[in-house]
Amino acid sequence: MSRKLFAALLLILLSALPVLHAQDNLTCPAPADIVASVAEACANLEADQVCLARAGVTADTGTDSAFAQPGDRVTAGALAQLVTTAPTADSADFGAVLLNLRANLSRDTVRALVLGGAQIANTNDARLVLPASFRDVGRVRSSPSTTNDDNIMTTLQGGASVTAVARNDAGDWVQISFGDGELGWAATFLLYVEGDVNQLSTTPAAAGTVYGSPLQAFNLIGAPAAESACAELPAGGVLVHTPPETRALLVVNGVHVSFTSTLYLTLGEEVGRPALRVEVYAGEATVQTDYGAALLVPGVYASVPLSPDFATPLAEPFPARPNPAGRDVQLAPLTAAVTADGTALALTPSLDAAQIDAAIAQAFAPDGLLAGTYQLVNAVSTPFTEPADWQCGQDMELGLQMRFAPNIADVLEENYGVRIVAGQGTNGVSLNTHNDPQYRTVPETNGEVAARSIIVRDMLHFTLVETWARREGDFAAACNSEFTWEWVAP
């Protein structure tokens, strides 16, 4: 080998040594050190407060309140944005911020740890809202009117907790947020409102926005999370925990996330767009947009494509996928920072892809079908007799949505008076199935009878099969109708 070539190779090797040296000697914070920092800096954190747990945080609080040193605290409503520093090849700085949020909970709180490399922006509406509850059973309507019952959304039981977010000009109707952030109207006299109704805004709240407690709605922003330079620490994100069996609601990047126990929220990428990733490690979660929903169990995540400004979901969640391998090991010791008693949780490892559907079905649809809203996706009717233009089955347009309880059969029995067992057909008399009186059945007389059965396709689809026979005087006809329904939301 020539001296010139040897010298060139030696120069290349020597030039690489500082980088290798810097990486090999990078002192990463241990998960236990991060937990200790949170415990020391953020002890006795009050509800709806934000605490700076570790240095390496840039925040916009919109106030003069100091938020630069570990232990500094501000109210959640004052926080506009924050950025936590992620470790790099040259620096082990690892910013961390603890959030203690009321969200939709009356007694407990949601604790969230924003970990190095994550950026969040507060998107919660700042309007005055008031806690409220129903005095007795009452209806929730889509508009402040009782002119007809077409606007009835649901009925809530006495004592049901809601949030008053607006009122009409007269003050005799209150707009409320209920359930998983749905908005509707209730007559004021039906409610106990904790405060002066007249102080509520007369501008109705907009759908898709949570008008609840501070920071109940926020956006993850910035570039997709990169893997941490420290092997024991996760890519930047938000570790979220709620007490066991307590269901909380957050709206993240416009996506409604209803969950129990423990999640990790981070940014990824789908079809060339930024995407919110909701990873579940304990409990369960429902991830919902205007386009559809996904049900998640421990060990899986759902991904939702977002608009370029991170504010709007563009599609339904992608089907559940296995969580990143090893992420549970990274997060498990850090959960001690978000549990009420400081105890670390045992988290579920990444679920095998082949097990996902079965695990979700077992958790959410033990009877073989999910409860929730179904959309009619296919309707086929075949007449058995002449005339061929005879009405065959019910007039139902594709896209029609109906709500079904966990046991589809029970709902059909309630609605149609016919007992159906999943997978079996049962003969029976159909009462008032059609609006036209001539179709109403009078047993043992001219009229209409039907045999119905349910075919369970999978946990998201079922087909209602109806075989109808109609007799009226000398006229007789029969047909077979198949209506296939697809689950779209809880």
Protein backbone atom coordinates (compact mmCIF):
# COMPACT_ATOMS: atom_id res chain seq x y z
CA MET A 1 0.00 0.00 0.00
CA SER A 2 1.43 3.40 -0.94
CA ARG A 3 2.17 5.93 1.78
CA LYS A 4 -0.25 8.41 0.22
CA LEU A 5 -3.11 5.89 0.26
CA PHE A 6 -2.30 4.86 3.85
CA ALA A 7 -2.23 8.50 4.94
CA ALA A 8 -5.57 9.16 3.27
CA LEU A 9 -7.18 6.18 4.98
CA LEU A 10 -5.72 7.17 8.33
CA LEU A 11 -7.09 10.69 7.92
CA ILE A 12 -10.57 9.31 7.21
CA LEU A 13 -10.44 7.09 10.30
CA LEU A 14 -9.17 9.87 12.54
CA SER A 15 -11.84 12.27 11.31
CA ALA A 16 -14.51 9.78 12.37
CA LEU A 17 -13.15 9.32 15.88
CA PRO A 18 -14.67 12.49 17.46
CA VAL A 19 -18.17 11.50 16.27
CA LEU A 20 -17.79 7.96 17.52
CA HIS A 21 -16.33 9.26 20.76
CA ALA A 22 -19.20 11.68 21.25
CA GLN A 23 -21.79 8.98 20.62
CA ASP A 24 -20.05 6.37 22.80
CA ASN A 25 -19.74 8.80 25.72
CA LEU A 26 -23.22 10.32 25.50
CA THR A 27 -24.65 10.12 29.01
CA CYS A 28 -28.35 9.48 28.63
CA PRO A 29 -30.71 10.08 31.53
CA ALA A 30 -31.97 6.84 33.01
CA PRO A 31 -35.75 6.39 33.14
CA ALA A 32 -35.49 6.25 36.93
CA ASP A 33 -33.79 9.67 36.92
CA ILE A 34 -36.62 11.14 34.83
CA VAL A 35 -39.22 9.72 37.21
CA ALA A 36 -37.28 11.13 40.17
CA SER A 37 -37.13 14.55 38.49
CA VAL A 38 -40.90 14.54 38.00
CA ALA A 39 -41.54 13.42 41.59
CA GLU A 40 -39.28 16.12 43.02
CA ALA A 41 -40.31 19.02 40.79
CA CYS A 42 -44.01 18.30 40.45
CA ALA A 43 -45.13 16.98 43.83
CA ASN A 44 -48.72 17.84 44.80
CA LEU A 45 -49.56 19.15 41.35
CA GLU A 46 -53.11 20.52 41.37
CA ALA A 47 -55.80 19.74 38.81
CA ASP A 48 -55.45 21.68 35.56
CA GLN A 49 -51.86 22.64 36.29
CA VAL A 50 -48.76 22.15 34.15
CA CYS A 51 -45.34 21.56 35.72
CA LEU A 52 -41.89 21.83 34.17
CA ALA A 53 -40.26 18.58 35.31
CA ARG A 54 -36.88 18.73 33.53
CA ALA A 55 -34.96 21.52 31.84
CA GLY A 56 -34.94 21.55 28.07
CA VAL A 57 -38.40 23.01 27.55
CA THR A 58 -39.52 26.05 25.58
CA ALA A 59 -43.02 27.25 26.39
CA ASP A 60 -45.41 30.04 25.51
CA THR A 61 -47.66 30.64 28.50
CA GLY A 62 -49.07 33.98 27.39
CA THR A 63 -48.45 35.28 30.91
CA ASP A 64 -45.64 36.70 33.00
CA SER A 65 -45.50 33.50 35.03
CA ALA A 66 -42.05 31.95 35.09
CA PHE A 67 -41.86 28.61 33.30
CA ALA A 68 -38.18 28.00 32.72
CA GLN A 69 -36.86 26.02 35.68
CA PRO A 70 -37.84 22.60 37.04
CA GLY A 71 -40.67 23.06 39.50
CA ASP A 72 -42.22 26.06 37.72
CA ARG A 73 -45.99 25.72 37.27
CA VAL A 74 -48.72 27.45 35.28
CA THR A 75 -52.42 26.80 34.81
CA ALA A 76 -53.26 24.50 31.91
CA GLY A 77 -55.40 27.18 30.30
CA ALA A 78 -52.44 29.57 30.17
CA LEU A 79 -50.24 27.23 28.17
CA ALA A 80 -50.33 28.04 24.46
CA GLN A 81 -47.47 25.89 23.16
CA LEU A 82 -44.51 23.95 24.44
CA VAL A 83 -41.52 22.16 22.94
CA THR A 84 -39.48 19.52 24.77
CA THR A 85 -35.86 18.87 23.81
CA ALA A 86 -34.92 15.41 22.54
CA PRO A 87 -31.53 13.75 23.02
CA THR A 88 -29.14 13.95 20.09
CA ALA A 89 -25.76 12.43 19.28
CA ASP A 90 -24.13 15.44 20.95
CA SER A 91 -26.49 16.22 23.82
CA ALA A 92 -28.46 14.15 26.31
CA ASP A 93 -30.86 16.97 27.18
CA PHE A 94 -34.29 15.46 27.70
CA GLY A 95 -37.08 17.90 28.43
CA ALA A 96 -40.20 16.74 30.27
CA VAL A 97 -43.44 18.44 31.33
CA LEU A 98 -46.18 16.96 33.52
CA LEU A 99 -49.83 17.81 32.81
CA ASN A 100 -52.55 17.12 35.39
CA LEU A 101 -55.84 17.57 33.51
CA ARG A 102 -59.47 17.28 34.59
CA ALA A 103 -60.54 16.55 31.01
CA ASN A 104 -64.09 15.21 31.25
CA LEU A 105 -63.63 13.66 34.72
CA SER A 106 -65.43 14.94 37.80
CA ARG A 107 -63.18 13.48 40.51
CA ASP A 108 -60.08 11.98 38.96
CA THR A 109 -57.56 13.56 36.61
CA VAL A 110 -55.66 12.55 33.51
CA ARG A 111 -51.90 12.74 34.04
CA ALA A 112 -49.77 13.18 30.95
CA LEU A 113 -45.99 13.36 30.60
CA VAL A 114 -44.75 15.25 27.54
CA LEU A 115 -41.42 13.61 26.71
CA GLY A 116 -38.35 14.92 24.90
CA GLY A 117 -38.91 15.64 21.23
CA ALA A 118 -42.64 16.39 21.41
CA GLN A 119 -44.39 19.68 20.65
CA ILE A 120 -47.98 20.46 21.62
CA ALA A 121 -50.29 23.39 20.96
CA ASN A 122 -53.35 24.10 23.10
CA THR A 123 -56.53 24.13 20.99
CA ASN A 124 -59.15 24.13 23.75
CA ASP A 125 -61.86 26.77 23.45
CA ALA A 126 -61.53 29.45 26.10
CA ARG A 127 -65.24 30.17 26.49
CA LEU A 128 -66.93 29.92 29.87
CA VAL A 129 -68.40 26.47 30.47
CA LEU A 130 -70.39 25.27 33.47
CA PRO A 131 -70.80 21.80 34.99
CA ALA A 132 -74.39 20.58 34.84
CA SER A 133 -76.50 17.48 35.38
CA PHE A 134 -80.00 16.32 34.49
CA ARG A 135 -82.66 16.71 37.19
CA ASP A 136 -84.57 13.74 35.81
CA VAL A 137 -84.80 11.79 32.56
CA GLY A 138 -84.54 14.29 29.72
CA ARG A 139 -84.15 14.48 25.97
CA VAL A 140 -81.16 15.92 24.15
CA ARG A 141 -82.00 17.54 20.81
CA SER A 142 -79.96 18.68 17.83
CA SER A 143 -81.64 22.12 17.92
CA PRO A 144 -83.35 24.21 20.63
CA SER A 145 -86.91 23.37 19.66
CA THR A 146 -89.76 20.97 20.47
CA THR A 147 -91.74 21.71 17.29
CA ASN A 148 -91.36 18.05 16.35
CA ASP A 149 -89.40 15.06 17.55
CA ASP A 150 -87.21 14.69 14.48
CA ASN A 151 -84.41 16.48 16.33
CA ILE A 152 -84.22 14.09 19.29
CA MET A 153 -80.65 12.79 19.60
CA THR A 154 -80.87 10.71 22.76
CA THR A 155 -82.36 10.52 26.24
CA LEU A 156 -80.18 10.93 29.33
CA GLN A 157 -81.03 9.66 32.78
CA GLY A 158 -81.47 11.80 35.86
CA GLY A 159 -78.10 12.65 37.40
CA ALA A 160 -76.23 12.35 34.09
CA SER A 161 -73.29 14.78 34.10
CA VAL A 162 -72.89 17.15 31.15
CA THR A 163 -71.15 20.44 30.41
CA ALA A 164 -73.12 23.58 29.58
CA VAL A 165 -71.27 25.38 26.77
CA ALA A 166 -73.77 27.91 25.34
CA ARG A 167 -77.38 29.11 25.53
CA ASN A 168 -79.98 30.55 23.19
CA ASP A 169 -80.87 34.25 23.39
CA ALA A 170 -83.82 33.65 25.68
CA GLY A 171 -81.82 31.41 27.99
CA ASP A 172 -84.49 28.71 28.05
CA TRP A 173 -82.29 26.29 26.12
CA VAL A 174 -78.72 25.27 26.94
CA GLN A 175 -76.24 23.70 24.55
CA ILE A 176 -74.47 20.83 26.29
CA SER A 177 -71.46 18.63 25.69
CA PHE A 178 -72.18 15.01 26.64
CA GLY A 179 -70.88 11.49 26.10
CA ASP A 180 -67.67 11.48 24.07
CA GLY A 181 -67.90 15.19 23.28
CA GLU A 182 -71.19 15.21 21.36
CA LEU A 183 -73.04 18.52 21.30
CA GLY A 184 -76.79 18.90 21.72
CA TRP A 185 -79.48 21.07 23.31
CA ALA A 186 -81.54 20.58 26.47
CA ALA A 187 -84.30 22.71 27.94
CA THR A 188 -82.87 24.75 30.82
CA PHE A 189 -85.51 23.55 33.28
CA LEU A 190 -84.25 19.98 32.83
CA LEU A 191 -80.80 20.84 34.20
CA TYR A 192 -79.01 21.67 37.40
CA VAL A 193 -76.37 24.16 36.19
CA GLU A 194 -73.53 25.08 38.56
CA GLY A 195 -73.42 28.80 37.86
CA ASP A 196 -75.30 31.53 36.05
CA VAL A 197 -76.73 30.29 32.75
CA ASN A 198 -76.96 33.89 31.54
CA GLN A 199 -73.16 34.12 31.59
CA LEU A 200 -72.86 31.44 28.90
CA SER A 201 -72.07 32.46 25.33
CA THR A 202 -75.00 32.86 22.94
CA THR A 203 -72.77 31.64 20.09
CA PRO A 204 -73.33 27.89 19.68
CA ALA A 205 -70.29 25.70 20.06
CA ALA A 206 -68.90 24.16 16.87
CA ALA A 207 -69.00 20.43 16.28
CA GLY A 208 -65.69 18.65 16.65
CA THR A 209 -64.34 20.97 19.35
CA VAL A 210 -64.24 20.06 23.00
CA TYR A 211 -65.57 22.77 25.28
CA GLY A 212 -64.51 21.25 28.54
CA SER A 213 -61.59 21.72 30.88
CA PRO A 214 -58.29 23.40 29.94
CA LEU A 215 -56.00 21.50 27.57
CA GLN A 216 -58.59 18.78 27.05
CA ALA A 217 -57.97 19.50 23.38
CA PHE A 218 -54.48 19.97 21.95
CA ASN A 219 -52.48 19.28 18.80
CA LEU A 220 -49.23 17.41 18.47
CA ILE A 221 -47.22 19.41 15.95
CA GLY A 222 -43.84 19.29 14.24
CA ALA A 223 -41.97 16.60 12.36
CA PRO A 224 -42.77 12.90 12.84
CA ALA A 225 -41.07 11.63 15.97
CA ALA A 226 -37.58 10.27 15.31
CA GLU A 227 -36.15 7.40 17.29
CA SER A 228 -34.35 8.63 20.38
CA ALA A 229 -30.56 8.78 20.46
CA CYS A 230 -30.91 7.11 23.86
CA ALA A 231 -31.88 3.46 23.52
CA GLU A 232 -33.75 3.33 26.84
CA LEU A 233 -35.97 6.31 25.98
CA PRO A 234 -38.86 6.49 23.51
CA ALA A 235 -39.25 8.79 20.53
CA GLY A 236 -40.89 12.08 21.48
CA GLY A 237 -44.53 11.89 22.50
CA VAL A 238 -47.05 12.15 25.31
CA LEU A 239 -47.49 9.36 27.87
CA VAL A 240 -51.09 9.53 29.11
CA HIS A 241 -52.68 7.72 32.05
CA THR A 242 -56.06 7.67 33.73
CA PRO A 243 -57.02 5.63 36.81
CA PRO A 244 -58.18 2.07 36.05
CA GLU A 245 -61.79 1.71 34.89
CA THR A 246 -62.02 5.48 34.42
CA ARG A 247 -62.83 6.55 30.86
CA ALA A 248 -61.38 9.87 29.81
CA LEU A 249 -61.79 11.90 26.65
CA LEU A 250 -59.12 13.98 24.93
CA VAL A 251 -59.30 15.59 21.51
CA VAL A 252 -55.87 15.37 19.91
CA ASN A 253 -55.36 16.94 16.48
CA GLY A 254 -59.13 16.97 16.09
CA VAL A 255 -59.34 13.22 16.76
CA HIS A 256 -61.60 12.11 19.62
CA VAL A 257 -59.65 9.70 21.84
CA SER A 258 -61.77 8.00 24.49
CA PHE A 259 -59.71 5.66 26.68
CA THR A 260 -59.07 3.85 29.92
CA SER A 261 -55.62 3.48 31.47
CA THR A 262 -52.46 4.08 29.42
CA LEU A 263 -51.67 5.50 25.97
CA TYR A 264 -48.71 6.94 24.13
CA LEU A 265 -49.48 9.71 21.64
CA THR A 266 -46.95 10.55 18.98
CA LEU A 267 -46.65 11.74 15.38
CA GLY A 268 -45.93 9.47 12.45
CA GLU A 269 -46.62 9.54 8.74
CA GLU A 270 -49.28 8.01 6.48
CA VAL A 271 -49.53 8.34 2.69
CA GLY A 272 -47.01 11.17 2.74
CA ARG A 273 -48.90 13.16 5.37
CA PRO A 274 -48.36 13.73 9.07
CA ALA A 275 -50.40 11.34 11.16
CA LEU A 276 -51.43 11.05 14.78
CA ARG A 277 -50.52 7.70 16.30
CA VAL A 278 -52.45 6.45 19.31
CA GLU A 279 -50.62 3.52 20.93
CA VAL A 280 -52.42 1.55 23.66
CA TYR A 281 -50.46 -0.23 26.40
CA ALA A 282 -53.15 -0.88 29.03
CA GLY A 283 -56.94 -0.60 29.09
CA GLU A 284 -58.68 0.16 25.81
CA ALA A 285 -59.36 3.10 23.50
CA THR A 286 -61.74 4.35 20.84
CA VAL A 287 -60.22 6.62 18.19
CA GLN A 288 -62.84 8.49 16.20
CA THR A 289 -63.02 11.05 13.39
CA ASP A 290 -65.94 12.25 11.27
CA TYR A 291 -65.07 9.48 8.80
CA GLY A 292 -65.10 6.48 11.11
CA ALA A 293 -63.63 4.94 14.23
CA ALA A 294 -61.18 2.30 15.42
CA LEU A 295 -61.28 0.22 18.58
CA LEU A 296 -57.92 -0.50 20.19
CA VAL A 297 -56.66 -2.97 22.76
CA PRO A 298 -53.26 -3.11 24.51
CA GLY A 299 -50.40 -3.85 22.14
CA VAL A 300 -51.75 -2.02 19.07
CA TYR A 301 -51.99 1.47 17.63
CA ALA A 302 -54.16 3.37 15.17
CA SER A 303 -52.90 6.06 12.83
CA VAL A 304 -54.94 9.03 11.52
CA PRO A 305 -53.71 11.16 8.57
CA LEU A 306 -53.76 14.89 9.32
CA SER A 307 -53.91 18.14 7.39
CA PRO A 308 -50.58 19.97 6.90
CA ASP A 309 -51.37 22.28 9.83
CA PHE A 310 -51.99 19.23 12.09
CA ALA A 311 -55.45 20.57 12.99
CA THR A 312 -57.81 18.32 11.04
CA PRO A 313 -58.10 14.55 10.58
CA LEU A 314 -58.46 13.69 6.88
CA ALA A 315 -59.77 10.14 7.07
CA GLU A 316 -60.93 7.37 9.33
CA PRO A 317 -58.22 5.72 11.43
CA PHE A 318 -56.09 3.16 9.62
CA PRO A 319 -56.70 -0.42 10.85
CA ALA A 320 -54.98 -1.37 14.09
CA ARG A 321 -51.33 -2.42 13.82
CA PRO A 322 -48.79 -3.82 16.29
CA ASN A 323 -47.13 -1.24 18.53
CA PRO A 324 -43.43 -0.58 17.87
CA ALA A 325 -41.39 -3.48 19.20
CA GLY A 326 -39.79 -2.68 22.55
CA ARG A 327 -41.74 0.54 23.15
CA ASP A 328 -43.48 -1.05 26.13
CA VAL A 329 -40.08 -1.70 27.71
CA GLN A 330 -39.09 1.96 27.22
CA LEU A 331 -42.35 3.32 28.61
CA ALA A 332 -42.95 0.94 31.53
CA PRO A 333 -40.54 2.57 34.03
CA LEU A 334 -41.74 6.04 33.00
CA THR A 335 -45.33 5.21 33.96
CA ALA A 336 -44.31 5.73 37.60
CA ALA A 337 -44.36 9.46 36.78
CA VAL A 338 -48.04 9.41 35.77
CA THR A 339 -49.66 6.97 38.20
CA ALA A 340 -51.24 8.44 41.31
CA ASP A 341 -49.11 6.39 43.72
CA GLY A 342 -45.87 6.48 41.74
CA THR A 343 -45.99 2.78 40.91
CA ALA A 344 -44.68 1.67 37.54
CA LEU A 345 -47.11 -0.32 35.40
CA ALA A 346 -46.60 -3.59 33.57
CA LEU A 347 -47.39 -2.74 29.94
CA THR A 348 -48.57 -5.08 27.21
CA PRO A 349 -45.93 -5.89 24.57
CA SER A 350 -46.56 -5.42 20.88
CA LEU A 351 -49.39 -7.68 19.74
CA ASP A 352 -48.78 -10.11 16.92
CA ALA A 353 -50.49 -8.90 13.73
CA ALA A 354 -52.35 -12.19 13.33
CA GLN A 355 -53.90 -11.80 16.79
CA ILE A 356 -55.19 -8.24 16.48
CA ASP A 357 -58.67 -8.86 15.07
CA ALA A 358 -59.37 -11.65 17.54
CA ALA A 359 -58.16 -9.56 20.50
CA ILE A 360 -60.31 -6.58 19.53
CA ALA A 361 -63.32 -8.79 18.93
CA GLN A 362 -62.90 -10.46 22.30
CA ALA A 363 -62.65 -7.11 24.08
CA PHE A 364 -65.39 -5.21 22.28
CA ALA A 365 -67.62 -7.83 20.66
CA PRO A 366 -67.68 -11.01 22.73
CA ASP A 367 -71.04 -11.92 21.15
CA GLY A 368 -69.57 -11.65 17.66
CA LEU A 369 -70.76 -8.14 16.74
CA LEU A 370 -69.77 -4.67 17.85
CA ALA A 371 -72.26 -2.34 19.44
CA GLY A 372 -72.66 1.06 17.86
CA THR A 373 -73.75 2.79 14.68
CA TYR A 374 -74.01 0.71 11.51
CA GLN A 375 -74.39 1.93 7.95
CA LEU A 376 -76.37 0.09 5.29
CA VAL A 377 -73.85 -0.83 2.58
CA ASN A 378 -75.80 -3.33 0.47
CA ALA A 379 -79.47 -4.15 -0.11
CA VAL A 380 -80.67 -6.87 -2.47
CA SER A 381 -84.33 -7.87 -2.90
CA THR A 382 -85.50 -10.75 -5.09
CA PRO A 383 -89.23 -11.35 -5.76
CA PHE A 384 -90.35 -14.98 -5.89
CA THR A 385 -93.67 -14.32 -7.62
CA GLU A 386 -95.29 -12.00 -10.13
CA PRO A 387 -95.73 -9.10 -10.46
CA ALA A 388 -92.00 -8.40 -10.43
CA ASP A 389 -92.50 -4.75 -9.51
CA TRP A 390 -94.17 -5.66 -6.22
CA GLN A 391 -92.55 -3.95 -3.25
CA CYS A 392 -90.04 -6.40 -1.87
CA GLY A 393 -88.97 -5.70 1.67
CA GLN A 394 -88.48 -2.29 3.15
CA ASP A 395 -87.50 0.88 1.31
CA MET A 396 -84.03 1.58 2.69
CA GLU A 397 -81.40 3.66 0.94
CA LEU A 398 -77.73 2.79 1.04
CA GLY A 399 -75.92 4.92 3.57
CA LEU A 400 -78.76 4.78 6.09
CA GLN A 401 -77.33 4.67 9.61
CA MET A 402 -78.88 2.96 12.62
CA ARG A 403 -77.72 2.40 16.19
CA PHE A 404 -77.57 -1.18 17.43
CA ALA A 405 -76.96 -2.43 20.96
CA PRO A 406 -74.38 -5.13 21.77
CA ASN A 407 -76.95 -7.84 21.08
CA ILE A 408 -78.29 -7.07 17.62
CA ALA A 409 -80.97 -9.70 18.11
CA ASP A 410 -82.48 -7.92 21.10
CA VAL A 411 -82.74 -4.68 19.15
CA LEU A 412 -84.48 -6.40 16.27
CA GLU A 413 -86.89 -7.96 18.70
CA GLU A 414 -87.61 -4.57 20.24
CA ASN A 415 -88.00 -2.80 16.90
CA TYR A 416 -89.78 -5.49 14.90
CA GLY A 417 -91.40 -7.77 17.46
CA VAL A 418 -89.53 -10.76 16.05
CA ARG A 419 -87.07 -12.76 18.11
CA ILE A 420 -83.85 -13.43 16.22
CA VAL A 421 -80.97 -15.58 17.39
CA ALA A 422 -77.64 -14.80 15.74
CA GLY A 423 -77.08 -17.19 12.88
CA GLN A 424 -80.58 -18.63 13.03
CA GLY A 425 -83.89 -17.81 11.42
CA THR A 426 -87.07 -17.47 13.43
CA ASN A 427 -90.58 -17.27 12.04
CA GLY A 428 -92.77 -14.60 13.49
CA VAL A 429 -95.26 -11.86 12.88
CA SER A 430 -93.91 -8.44 11.97
CA LEU A 431 -95.85 -5.60 13.59
CA ASN A 432 -95.95 -2.18 11.94
CA THR A 433 -92.90 -2.90 9.86
CA HIS A 434 -94.13 -0.64 7.06
CA ASN A 435 -95.62 2.81 7.37
CA ASP A 436 -98.39 1.93 4.91
CA PRO A 437 -101.31 0.49 6.92
CA GLN A 438 -102.01 -2.12 4.24
CA TYR A 439 -98.77 -3.82 5.18
CA ARG A 440 -99.60 -4.11 8.87
CA THR A 441 -100.09 -7.69 9.89
CA VAL A 442 -103.21 -8.99 11.57
CA PRO A 443 -102.48 -12.57 12.62
CA GLU A 444 -104.58 -15.23 10.88
CA THR A 445 -105.89 -12.71 8.35
CA ASN A 446 -104.73 -11.22 5.10
CA GLY A 447 -101.43 -9.49 5.67
CA GLU A 448 -97.74 -10.08 5.82
CA VAL A 449 -95.50 -12.47 7.72
CA ALA A 450 -91.75 -12.86 7.68
CA ALA A 451 -88.91 -15.14 8.59
CA ARG A 452 -85.78 -13.26 9.62
CA SER A 453 -82.25 -14.28 10.40
CA ILE A 454 -78.91 -12.64 11.05
CA ILE A 455 -75.70 -13.73 9.39
CA VAL A 456 -72.64 -12.51 11.29
CA ARG A 457 -69.99 -11.83 8.64
CA ASP A 458 -67.35 -10.62 11.10
CA MET A 459 -67.35 -8.28 14.09
CA LEU A 460 -67.92 -5.27 11.80
CA HIS A 461 -70.57 -6.64 9.43
CA PHE A 462 -73.84 -8.48 9.61
CA THR A 463 -76.55 -9.29 7.09
CA LEU A 464 -80.23 -9.21 7.98
CA VAL A 465 -82.08 -11.72 5.80
CA GLU A 466 -85.85 -11.31 5.49
CA THR A 467 -88.16 -13.66 3.60
CA TRP A 468 -91.56 -12.02 3.22
CA ALA A 469 -94.92 -13.49 2.26
CA ARG A 470 -97.85 -11.18 1.60
CA ARG A 471 -101.45 -12.28 1.12
CA GLU A 472 -104.34 -9.93 0.30
CA GLY A 473 -107.51 -11.48 -1.04
CA ASP A 474 -106.62 -13.57 -4.07
CA PHE A 475 -103.26 -11.82 -4.37
CA ALA A 476 -100.17 -13.53 -2.96
CA ALA A 477 -96.49 -12.66 -3.31
CA ALA A 478 -93.17 -13.41 -1.66
CA CYS A 479 -89.63 -12.14 -1.79
CA ASN A 480 -86.23 -12.43 -0.17
CA SER A 481 -84.36 -9.31 0.99
CA GLU A 482 -80.80 -9.10 2.29
CA PHE A 483 -79.56 -5.96 4.06
CA THR A 484 -75.85 -5.80 4.89
CA TRP A 485 -74.75 -3.39 7.61
CA GLU A 486 -71.24 -2.14 8.38
CA TRP A 487 -70.06 -0.75 11.73
CA VAL A 488 -68.93 2.88 11.51
CA ALA A 489 -68.74 4.19 15.07
CA PRO A 490 -69.31 3.22 18.72
